[in-house]
Amino acid sequence: QVQLVESGGGLVQAGGSLRLSCAASGRTFSTYAMGWFRQAPGKEREFVAATTWSGGSTYTADYADSVKGRFTISRGNAKNTVSLQMNSLKPEDTALYYCAVGRTGGEARRQEMYGYWGQGTQVTVSS
């Protein structure tokens, strides 16, 4: 059974940093896309970042414009883990952050591509 477990959320002041981690289990995900989405209160869930398999040991990162230059997504050595380093956090980054895994080949920014989702980890940025 596939399971995704997120960790690393918390409360931080604006300008601070947090690192989210997600561990996937149940199968090998080395050729899958792994991504992060977030949902703020009263808003729809939105794409944050994704890392997709490009062949061999190469992965390609993609970011939402709102986080580009501040967030960095990375794949663990075992390829079943993904982290999101979040720097220069802003109050508008406050949301429930979800880890997701899906088969490579679709549009990594689309939620429909992802078949597996974690329960979410809360990130709160105070002003």
Foldseek 3Di string as FASTA:
>chain_A
DKAKDKDWADEEAAQAKIKMKIAIDDDQQQQKKKFKWWDDPPGDIFGAKIWHDPDDNDIDIDGDPVQPPFKDKDADPSRRMIMIIGGRDDQVVWTWMKMFIAHPDDDPGDPVRTDDIHPTDTHGYHD
